Amino acid sequence: MAFMFFNSLLLLLLLLLQISCSRFSLALQENSSATVRSGQINSNSVLVALLDSHYTELAELVEKALLLQTLEETVGKHNITIFAPKNEALERDLDPEFKRFLLEPGNLKSLQTLLLYHIVPARIDRHSWPKSTSALTHHFTLSNERVELSGDDSSGEKFIGSAKVISPNAVDRPDGVIHGIEQLLIPRSVQQDFNNRRSLRSISAVKPEGAPEVDPRTHRLKKPAPPVKPGAPPVLPIYDAMAPGPSLAPAPAPGPGGPHHHFNGMRQVKDFIQTLIQYGGYNEMADILVNLTSLATEMGRLVSEGYVLTVLAPNDEAMAKLTTDQLSEPGAPEQIIYYHIIPEYQTEESMYNAVRRFGKVSYDTLRLPHKVLAQEADGSVRFGHSDGSAYLFDPDIYTDGRISVQGIDGVLFPPEEKAKEEKKTIKVATVKPRRGKLLEAACRMLVAIGQDSRFTSCRQ
């Protein structure tokens, strides 16, 4: 009797243990399904495989488009199929302008639509692919647009739209599959956005034309400069590229080269100033160029635009002869230096050959409209006129093909200014009458009024 009771009790315990185990397994299944639906993925997921696969360009775009969380939630609900373009299709084969459009921050929505167009919320294996062009199948993607799947009977190739599948089932995971395709799939909506943006950009690129400008020097309408090829010398004269003085306009005139600078003019100006300092004897000239930053900047900008310059640099002894009155007027140092800059590239040899051949040569200066006269003297070149002339003292201090620096032993002034200075220094001389004429005039006055005989000598 006790044995039967013990068997029945053992059966009851086994039954209770079986019921508890079944309930525990059901709870585990519910918990596992809940974790999957909550968006948590494991290391065997197709998304992890995409990030670790050979399709790195597509994986980077997915991260830039902030779609990882969206895809995790999609994988938690059902299997997915990813059509992944190869890296070459996104690096070299893609239009650079279209790629720039996708990566702009304002076009994030278009990038997301493009990437979701490559993902189907269903599992499509290569065995379930249509085998002929007549048996087409359509599937909705995560972007709510349809893609068309087709195949070729003779070659066995598979297509999605016009893109050929080059690696079917490249990655196979329990929650999805990845097929490698030859090119990027572009939905119609994204293509339309790109076309609208490109047409809008072409329209906005046309700048409005304002009123015609008047040249303050000639008082005539300015004509647009003809197009200049990159690297070609400027067509306009150098004066049109110089910044006008305060009497003309507050803003600098545009140069003919536009934004395409072919040379670093500021570096070359610094080089020739440093050369003056190291050469010795031209510290005053270098000091003026360093302190007058606007002048150095102007010279650097002209060289950057493609113009060439020849600088006649007075040495320290010549600069020491300048008076305070000559330097105290507003803008006087700039005007002095401008008169020593020739808008040509001349060396000592070229200037000497010119004066030997023509006798006298007048060079334009940046101090419009004054010119500096050059002529041969004592086997060298003499600049200026007889009273305020200067000889070419140190030839070719700096020559780099764009800036030429020639040392001279005097400071040059335009002839008109020299005449004005001479008028200021001339003093009016008083002419004293001679003593004889003064006595003769006094005698005539005395005779006229009838004085005594003491002044008879005046009558005689």
Protein backbone atom coordinates (compact mmCIF):
# COMPACT_ATOMS: atom_id res chain seq x y z
CA MET A 1 0.00 0.00 0.00
CA ALA A 2 2.84 2.37 0.87
CA PHE A 3 4.63 1.43 -2.32
CA MET A 4 1.62 2.45 -4.46
CA PHE A 5 1.34 5.77 -2.63
CA PHE A 6 5.02 6.47 -3.24
CA ASN A 7 4.66 5.77 -7.00
CA SER A 8 1.66 8.05 -7.31
CA LEU A 9 3.51 10.83 -5.49
CA LEU A 10 6.52 10.42 -7.81
CA LEU A 11 4.28 10.64 -10.89
CA LEU A 12 2.69 13.80 -9.53
CA LEU A 13 6.10 15.42 -9.00
CA LEU A 14 7.21 14.53 -12.52
CA LEU A 15 4.03 16.01 -13.95
CA LEU A 16 4.52 19.27 -12.04
CA LEU A 17 8.19 19.44 -13.20
CA GLN A 18 7.15 18.99 -16.83
CA ILE A 19 4.54 21.75 -16.59
CA SER A 20 7.05 24.18 -15.05
CA CYS A 21 9.66 23.42 -17.74
CA SER A 22 7.17 24.06 -20.52
CA ARG A 23 6.16 27.36 -18.96
CA PHE A 24 9.83 28.35 -18.58
CA SER A 25 10.55 27.60 -22.25
CA LEU A 26 7.55 29.67 -23.31
CA ALA A 27 8.80 32.55 -21.19
CA LEU A 28 12.22 32.32 -22.79
CA GLN A 29 10.69 32.44 -26.26
CA GLU A 30 8.59 35.45 -25.35
CA ASN A 31 11.62 37.22 -23.89
CA SER A 32 13.75 36.47 -26.95
CA SER A 33 11.07 37.69 -29.33
CA ALA A 34 10.64 40.81 -27.21
CA THR A 35 14.36 41.56 -27.36
CA VAL A 36 14.36 41.15 -31.13
CA ARG A 37 11.35 43.42 -31.52
CA SER A 38 12.86 46.00 -29.19
CA GLY A 39 15.55 46.74 -31.83
CA GLN A 40 18.50 44.90 -30.30
CA ILE A 41 20.44 42.87 -32.84
CA ASN A 42 23.06 40.21 -32.32
CA SER A 43 26.46 39.80 -33.93
CA ASN A 44 25.03 37.47 -36.58
CA SER A 45 22.69 40.10 -38.00
CA VAL A 46 22.76 41.15 -41.63
CA LEU A 47 23.36 44.77 -40.57
CA VAL A 48 26.56 43.82 -38.75
CA ALA A 49 27.59 41.84 -41.82
CA LEU A 50 26.96 44.92 -44.01
CA LEU A 51 29.23 47.06 -41.85
CA ASP A 52 31.96 44.38 -41.98
CA SER A 53 31.55 43.49 -45.67
CA HIS A 54 33.34 44.71 -48.79
CA TYR A 55 30.59 47.27 -49.44
CA THR A 56 32.18 49.90 -47.24
CA GLU A 57 31.02 52.89 -49.29
CA LEU A 58 27.37 51.89 -48.87
CA ALA A 59 27.90 51.26 -45.15
CA GLU A 60 29.40 54.76 -44.72
CA LEU A 61 26.45 56.33 -46.52
CA VAL A 62 24.06 54.47 -44.24
CA GLU A 63 25.84 55.86 -41.20
CA LYS A 64 25.92 59.40 -42.65
CA ALA A 65 22.21 59.19 -43.43
CA LEU A 66 21.43 58.22 -39.77
CA LEU A 67 19.55 55.09 -40.86
CA LEU A 68 21.06 52.49 -38.52
CA GLN A 69 18.29 52.73 -35.94
CA THR A 70 15.60 52.56 -38.63
CA LEU A 71 17.15 49.43 -40.11
CA GLU A 72 17.53 47.82 -36.68
CA GLU A 73 13.81 48.27 -36.05
CA THR A 74 13.03 46.84 -39.51
CA VAL A 75 15.23 43.77 -38.92
CA GLY A 76 13.47 43.23 -35.59
CA LYS A 77 10.14 42.85 -37.40
CA HIS A 78 11.00 40.79 -40.51
CA ASN A 79 13.79 39.72 -42.86
CA ILE A 80 15.28 42.22 -45.31
CA THR A 81 17.09 42.09 -48.64
CA ILE A 82 19.82 44.66 -49.34
CA PHE A 83 20.98 45.43 -52.87
CA ALA A 84 24.51 46.77 -52.25
CA PRO A 85 26.37 48.63 -55.05
CA LYS A 86 30.08 47.89 -55.30
CA ASN A 87 32.54 50.47 -54.03
CA GLU A 88 33.69 51.45 -57.53
CA ALA A 89 30.11 52.43 -58.43
CA LEU A 90 30.08 54.95 -55.59
CA GLU A 91 33.68 56.16 -55.90
CA ARG A 92 34.50 56.48 -59.62
CA ASP A 93 31.38 55.71 -61.64
CA LEU A 94 29.05 58.12 -59.82
CA ASP A 95 28.63 61.65 -61.16
CA PRO A 96 30.70 63.95 -58.86
CA GLU A 97 28.01 66.62 -58.96
CA PHE A 98 25.32 64.11 -57.99
CA LYS A 99 27.49 62.74 -55.17
CA ARG A 100 28.09 66.29 -53.90
CA PHE A 101 24.34 66.81 -53.99
CA LEU A 102 23.74 63.70 -51.86
CA LEU A 103 26.34 64.65 -49.25
CA GLU A 104 25.07 68.20 -48.72
CA PRO A 105 23.46 68.58 -45.28
CA GLY A 106 20.32 70.10 -46.76
CA ASN A 107 19.70 67.01 -48.91
CA LEU A 108 19.62 64.42 -46.11
CA LYS A 109 16.08 63.40 -47.04
CA SER A 110 17.12 62.61 -50.61
CA LEU A 111 20.06 60.52 -49.37
CA GLN A 112 17.81 58.54 -47.03
CA THR A 113 15.30 57.92 -49.83
CA LEU A 114 18.09 56.72 -52.12
CA LEU A 115 19.46 54.24 -49.56
CA LEU A 116 16.06 52.91 -48.51
CA TYR A 117 15.36 52.29 -52.20
CA HIS A 118 18.03 49.55 -52.03
CA ILE A 119 16.31 47.63 -49.20
CA VAL A 120 13.26 45.36 -49.55
CA PRO A 121 11.44 44.33 -46.32
CA ALA A 122 11.35 40.66 -47.42
CA ARG A 123 13.82 37.88 -47.99
CA ILE A 124 14.65 37.36 -51.70
CA ASP A 125 17.11 34.54 -52.28
CA ARG A 126 18.75 33.87 -55.62
CA HIS A 127 16.62 30.75 -55.98
CA SER A 128 13.43 32.83 -55.80
CA TRP A 129 14.65 35.22 -58.51
CA PRO A 130 12.70 35.26 -61.81
CA LYS A 131 14.54 33.37 -64.54
CA SER A 132 13.29 35.24 -67.61
CA THR A 133 12.47 38.77 -68.70
CA SER A 134 8.86 37.80 -69.20
CA ALA A 135 8.37 36.67 -65.60
CA LEU A 136 8.97 40.01 -63.92
CA THR A 137 8.38 40.52 -60.23
CA HIS A 138 7.92 43.80 -58.39
CA HIS A 139 8.72 44.49 -54.75
CA PHE A 140 8.12 47.54 -52.61
CA THR A 141 11.22 48.95 -50.94
CA LEU A 142 11.50 50.81 -47.64
CA SER A 143 11.20 54.07 -49.60
CA ASN A 144 7.66 53.04 -50.72
CA GLU A 145 8.79 52.76 -54.33
CA ARG A 146 8.81 49.59 -56.40
CA VAL A 147 11.81 47.81 -57.87
CA GLU A 148 11.65 45.38 -60.77
CA LEU A 149 13.43 42.02 -60.69
CA SER A 150 14.18 40.13 -63.90
CA GLY A 151 16.48 37.41 -65.26
CA ASP A 152 18.02 36.11 -68.47
CA ASP A 153 17.41 32.52 -69.56
CA SER A 154 20.44 32.14 -71.79
CA SER A 155 23.12 33.69 -69.61
CA GLY A 156 21.53 33.14 -66.24
CA GLU A 157 22.19 36.74 -65.23
CA LYS A 158 19.95 38.50 -62.74
CA PHE A 159 18.88 42.14 -62.87
CA ILE A 160 17.22 44.62 -60.58
CA GLY A 161 15.98 47.41 -62.77
CA SER A 162 18.88 48.09 -65.17
CA ALA A 163 21.56 47.06 -62.67
CA LYS A 164 23.11 43.62 -63.01
CA VAL A 165 23.55 41.46 -59.93
CA ILE A 166 27.24 40.55 -59.77
CA SER A 167 27.33 38.76 -56.40
CA PRO A 168 24.04 37.03 -55.56
CA ASN A 169 23.77 36.02 -51.91
CA ALA A 170 27.05 37.75 -51.12
CA VAL A 171 26.05 37.77 -47.46
CA ASP A 172 23.46 35.34 -46.06
CA ARG A 173 22.22 35.72 -42.47
CA PRO A 174 19.15 34.46 -40.62
CA ASP A 175 17.54 37.92 -40.66
CA GLY A 176 18.44 38.97 -44.20
CA VAL A 177 20.52 38.63 -47.33
CA ILE A 178 22.79 41.00 -49.30
CA HIS A 179 23.14 40.92 -53.09
CA GLY A 180 26.03 42.79 -54.71
CA ILE A 181 24.94 44.87 -57.73
CA GLU A 182 26.96 46.63 -60.43
CA GLN A 183 25.65 50.18 -60.13
CA LEU A 184 23.65 52.50 -57.89
CA LEU A 185 19.86 52.47 -58.05
CA ILE A 186 18.44 56.00 -58.31
CA PRO A 187 14.73 56.43 -57.62
CA ARG A 188 12.74 58.82 -59.74
CA SER A 189 11.99 61.19 -56.85
CA VAL A 190 15.68 61.68 -56.01
CA GLN A 191 16.56 62.22 -59.66
CA GLN A 192 13.81 64.84 -59.88
CA ASP A 193 15.15 66.65 -56.78
CA PHE A 194 18.63 66.68 -58.25
CA ASN A 195 17.42 68.06 -61.59
CA ASN A 196 15.45 70.80 -59.85
CA ARG A 197 18.45 71.79 -57.73
CA ARG A 198 20.77 71.83 -60.74
CA SER A 199 18.42 73.97 -62.81
CA LEU A 200 17.94 76.34 -59.87
CA ARG A 201 21.70 76.63 -59.45
CA SER A 202 22.20 77.42 -63.14
CA ILE A 203 19.57 80.14 -62.94
CA SER A 204 21.03 81.68 -59.79
CA ALA A 205 24.53 81.63 -61.32
CA VAL A 206 23.53 84.41 -63.72
CA LYS A 207 24.53 87.59 -61.94
CA PRO A 208 22.44 90.72 -62.46
CA GLU A 209 24.01 93.46 -64.50
CA GLY A 210 24.11 96.92 -62.96
CA ALA A 211 24.46 100.36 -64.45
CA PRO A 212 27.48 101.03 -66.68
CA GLU A 213 30.55 102.32 -64.86
CA VAL A 214 32.40 105.49 -65.80
CA ASP A 215 36.18 105.56 -65.81
CA PRO A 216 37.21 108.45 -63.53
CA ARG A 217 40.41 109.01 -65.52
CA THR A 218 38.91 109.28 -69.00
CA HIS A 219 35.27 110.09 -68.04
CA ARG A 220 34.13 107.45 -70.53
CA LEU A 221 32.15 104.26 -70.07
CA LYS A 222 34.24 101.33 -68.96
CA LYS A 223 34.43 98.49 -71.44
CA PRO A 224 34.53 94.90 -70.14
CA ALA A 225 37.93 93.30 -70.38
CA PRO A 226 38.31 90.57 -72.99
CA PRO A 227 38.69 87.01 -71.67
CA VAL A 228 42.23 86.07 -70.69
CA LYS A 229 43.58 82.54 -70.79
CA PRO A 230 45.13 81.24 -67.54
CA GLY A 231 48.80 82.18 -67.39
CA ALA A 232 48.58 84.77 -70.18
CA PRO A 233 49.83 88.33 -69.52
CA PRO A 234 47.13 90.86 -68.61
CA VAL A 235 45.41 92.72 -71.44
CA LEU A 236 44.49 95.86 -69.52
CA PRO A 237 47.13 98.45 -68.61
CA ILE A 238 48.52 98.27 -65.13
CA TYR A 239 46.80 101.49 -64.07
CA ASP A 240 43.37 99.83 -64.38
CA ALA A 241 44.46 97.20 -61.86
CA MET A 242 45.82 99.69 -59.33
CA ALA A 243 43.73 100.79 -56.40
CA PRO A 244 42.53 104.36 -57.09
CA GLY A 245 43.38 107.19 -54.74
CA PRO A 246 40.91 108.72 -52.29
CA SER A 247 39.89 111.32 -54.86
CA LEU A 248 38.66 108.67 -57.28
CA ALA A 249 36.82 105.95 -55.40
CA PRO A 250 36.91 104.26 -52.01
CA ALA A 251 37.03 100.73 -53.43
CA PRO A 252 39.88 99.22 -55.48
CA ALA A 253 39.34 98.58 -59.14
CA PRO A 254 39.20 94.89 -60.15
CA GLY A 255 42.19 93.36 -61.85
CA PRO A 256 41.95 91.54 -65.18
CA GLY A 257 42.98 88.16 -63.80
CA GLY A 258 39.97 87.73 -61.55
CA PRO A 259 40.21 85.16 -58.76
CA HIS A 260 42.72 82.96 -60.63
CA HIS A 261 46.09 84.02 -59.22
CA HIS A 262 49.01 82.34 -60.94
CA PHE A 263 51.79 83.83 -58.78
CA ASN A 264 52.21 84.60 -55.11
CA GLY A 265 52.91 88.31 -55.39
CA MET A 266 53.14 89.02 -51.67
CA ARG A 267 55.85 86.40 -51.24
CA GLN A 268 57.86 87.92 -54.08
CA VAL A 269 57.52 91.44 -52.63
CA LYS A 270 58.77 90.15 -49.27
CA ASP A 271 61.65 88.41 -51.03
CA PHE A 272 62.88 91.54 -52.78
CA ILE A 273 62.53 93.65 -49.60
CA GLN A 274 64.58 91.03 -47.74
CA THR A 275 67.12 91.13 -50.58
CA LEU A 276 67.41 94.92 -50.21
CA ILE A 277 68.12 94.54 -46.50
CA GLN A 278 70.73 91.83 -47.00
CA TYR A 279 72.36 93.70 -49.90
CA GLY A 280 73.13 96.65 -47.65
CA GLY A 281 72.85 100.38 -48.23
CA TYR A 282 69.09 100.37 -48.93
CA ASN A 283 67.63 100.15 -45.45
CA GLU A 284 65.67 103.41 -45.77
CA MET A 285 63.92 102.20 -48.91
CA ALA A 286 63.12 98.85 -47.29
CA ASP A 287 61.86 100.63 -44.18
CA ILE A 288 59.41 102.71 -46.21
CA LEU A 289 58.11 99.61 -48.01
CA VAL A 290 57.67 97.74 -44.72
CA ASN A 291 55.93 100.60 -42.91
CA LEU A 292 53.68 101.46 -45.84
CA THR A 293 51.85 98.14 -45.81
CA SER A 294 49.27 99.39 -48.30
CA LEU A 295 52.02 100.04 -50.85
CA ALA A 296 53.58 96.59 -50.38
CA THR A 297 50.14 94.97 -50.59
CA GLU A 298 49.38 96.88 -53.78
CA MET A 299 52.62 95.74 -55.38
CA GLY A 300 51.98 92.14 -54.33
CA ARG A 301 48.48 92.21 -55.78
CA LEU A 302 49.73 93.56 -59.10
CA VAL A 303 52.34 90.81 -59.36
CA SER A 304 49.71 88.22 -58.44
CA GLU A 305 47.55 89.48 -61.31
CA GLY A 306 50.43 88.89 -63.74
CA TYR A 307 51.92 92.37 -64.08
CA VAL A 308 55.68 93.02 -63.99
CA LEU A 309 57.49 95.85 -62.16
CA THR A 310 60.90 97.52 -62.16
CA VAL A 311 61.82 99.35 -58.95
CA LEU A 312 64.41 102.15 -59.00
CA ALA A 313 65.60 102.02 -55.39
CA PRO A 314 67.44 105.08 -54.01
CA ASN A 315 70.25 104.18 -51.61
CA ASP A 316 70.49 105.38 -48.01
CA GLU A 317 72.66 108.40 -48.83
CA ALA A 318 70.07 109.65 -51.31
CA MET A 319 67.16 109.06 -48.94
CA ALA A 320 68.98 110.95 -46.17
CA LYS A 321 68.87 114.13 -48.32
CA LEU A 322 65.07 114.24 -48.25
CA THR A 323 63.78 117.11 -46.16
CA THR A 324 60.97 117.04 -43.63
CA ASP A 325 58.80 119.20 -45.90
CA GLN A 326 59.10 116.67 -48.69
CA LEU A 327 57.90 113.83 -46.46
CA SER A 328 55.37 115.64 -44.26
CA GLU A 329 52.58 116.11 -46.80
CA PRO A 330 49.82 113.45 -46.74
CA GLY A 331 50.65 110.63 -49.13
CA ALA A 332 54.07 112.04 -49.98
CA PRO A 333 56.07 108.80 -49.32
CA GLU A 334 53.68 106.80 -51.49
CA GLN A 335 53.90 109.30 -54.34
CA ILE A 336 57.71 109.31 -54.15
CA ILE A 337 57.89 105.51 -54.31
CA TYR A 338 55.26 105.34 -57.09
CA TYR A 339 57.48 107.60 -59.23
CA HIS A 340 60.30 105.07 -58.79
CA ILE A 341 58.26 102.07 -60.02
CA ILE A 342 58.15 101.33 -63.77
CA PRO A 343 55.36 99.00 -64.98
CA GLU A 344 57.80 97.08 -67.18
CA TYR A 345 60.41 94.42 -66.56
CA GLN A 346 63.77 96.02 -67.25
CA THR A 347 67.26 94.92 -66.34
CA GLU A 348 70.45 96.98 -66.37
CA GLU A 349 71.39 95.48 -69.73
CA SER A 350 68.03 96.13 -71.38
CA MET A 351 67.88 99.76 -70.20
CA TYR A 352 71.48 100.46 -71.21
CA ASN A 353 70.91 98.96 -74.68
CA ALA A 354 67.79 101.11 -75.06
CA VAL A 355 69.50 104.40 -74.18
CA ARG A 356 72.51 103.50 -76.34
CA ARG A 357 70.21 102.96 -79.30
CA PHE A 358 67.67 105.76 -78.85
CA GLY A 359 69.62 108.28 -76.81
CA LYS A 360 66.75 109.13 -74.46
CA VAL A 361 63.95 106.85 -73.26
CA SER A 362 60.89 107.88 -71.23
CA TYR A 363 59.50 105.16 -68.99
CA ASP A 364 55.99 105.20 -67.58
CA THR A 365 55.68 105.19 -63.79
CA LEU A 366 52.95 104.22 -61.41
CA ARG A 367 52.60 107.91 -60.59
CA LEU A 368 50.29 108.70 -63.47
CA PRO A 369 50.89 110.62 -65.75
CA HIS A 370 54.51 111.41 -64.86
CA LYS A 371 57.32 109.67 -66.69
CA VAL A 372 60.95 109.21 -65.79
CA LEU A 373 63.62 110.06 -68.36
CA ALA A 374 66.59 107.75 -68.95
CA GLN A 375 69.69 108.49 -71.01
CA GLU A 376 73.28 107.30 -71.37
CA ALA A 377 75.92 109.00 -69.29
CA ASP A 378 79.48 107.90 -68.54
CA GLY A 379 78.88 104.33 -69.64
CA SER A 380 75.82 103.94 -67.41
CA VAL A 381 72.16 104.94 -67.31
CA ARG A 382 71.15 108.26 -65.81
CA PHE A 383 67.57 108.91 -64.75
CA GLY A 384 65.87 112.26 -64.39
CA HIS A 385 66.96 115.70 -65.56
CA SER A 386 70.24 117.48 -65.07
CA ASP A 387 69.61 119.05 -61.68
CA GLY A 388 67.83 116.12 -60.00
CA SER A 389 69.31 113.17 -61.85
CA ALA A 390 70.42 109.81 -60.46
CA TYR A 391 72.75 107.20 -61.86
CA LEU A 392 72.18 103.46 -61.97
CA PHE A 393 74.50 102.66 -59.09
CA ASP A 394 73.85 98.98 -58.16
CA PRO A 395 72.51 97.03 -61.15
CA ASP A 396 70.22 93.98 -60.87
CA ILE A 397 69.92 93.77 -57.09
CA TYR A 398 66.87 91.52 -57.51
CA THR A 399 65.60 89.97 -60.76
CA ASP A 400 63.14 87.08 -60.81
CA GLY A 401 61.34 87.63 -64.11
CA ARG A 402 58.49 89.62 -62.56
CA ILE A 403 60.16 92.13 -60.20
CA SER A 404 63.43 93.89 -61.06
CA VAL A 405 65.21 96.12 -58.52
CA GLN A 406 67.87 98.58 -59.72
CA GLY A 407 69.81 100.67 -57.20
CA ILE A 408 70.22 104.42 -57.94
CA ASP A 409 72.19 107.14 -56.11
CA GLY A 410 69.49 109.81 -55.95
CA VAL A 411 65.80 110.45 -55.32
CA LEU A 412 63.82 111.37 -58.44
CA PHE A 413 61.05 113.97 -58.65
CA PRO A 414 58.81 114.90 -61.58
CA PRO A 415 59.92 118.08 -63.40
CA GLU A 416 56.75 119.99 -62.44
CA GLU A 417 57.30 119.44 -58.74
CA LYS A 418 60.92 120.49 -58.99
CA ALA A 419 59.85 123.77 -60.56
CA LYS A 420 57.33 124.37 -57.78
CA GLU A 421 59.96 123.73 -55.12
CA GLU A 422 62.36 126.14 -56.80
CA LYS A 423 59.69 128.85 -56.81
CA LYS A 424 59.18 128.38 -53.10
CA THR A 425 62.88 128.84 -52.34
CA ILE A 426 63.47 131.91 -54.55
CA LYS A 427 63.64 135.20 -52.55
CA VAL A 428 62.70 138.56 -54.01
CA ALA A 429 65.83 140.76 -54.25
CA THR A 430 65.47 144.57 -53.71
CA VAL A 431 67.35 146.70 -56.25
CA LYS A 432 69.16 149.61 -54.66
CA PRO A 433 69.50 152.80 -56.80
CA ARG A 434 72.98 154.10 -57.47
CA ARG A 435 74.28 157.10 -55.46
CA GLY A 436 74.86 159.32 -58.50
CA LYS A 437 71.30 159.18 -59.71
CA LEU A 438 70.04 159.96 -56.20
CA LEU A 439 72.14 163.20 -56.02
CA GLU A 440 71.01 164.25 -59.51
CA ALA A 441 67.37 163.93 -58.54
CA ALA A 442 67.92 166.01 -55.35
CA CYS A 443 69.61 168.82 -57.33
CA ARG A 444 66.74 169.05 -59.75
CA MET A 445 64.34 169.48 -56.90
CA LEU A 446 66.39 172.28 -55.31
CA VAL A 447 66.78 174.18 -58.60
CA ALA A 448 63.06 173.97 -59.17
CA ILE A 449 62.26 175.67 -55.87
CA GLY A 450 64.92 178.43 -56.35
CA GLN A 451 67.51 177.94 -53.61
CA ASP A 452 70.57 180.14 -52.99
CA SER A 453 73.98 180.03 -54.61
CA ARG A 454 75.22 177.40 -52.28
CA PHE A 455 73.62 174.86 -54.65
CA THR A 456 74.96 176.34 -57.92
CA SER A 457 76.93 173.21 -58.36
CA CYS A 458 73.68 171.45 -59.07
CA ARG A 459 73.00 173.83 -61.99
CA GLN A 460 76.37 173.19 -63.46
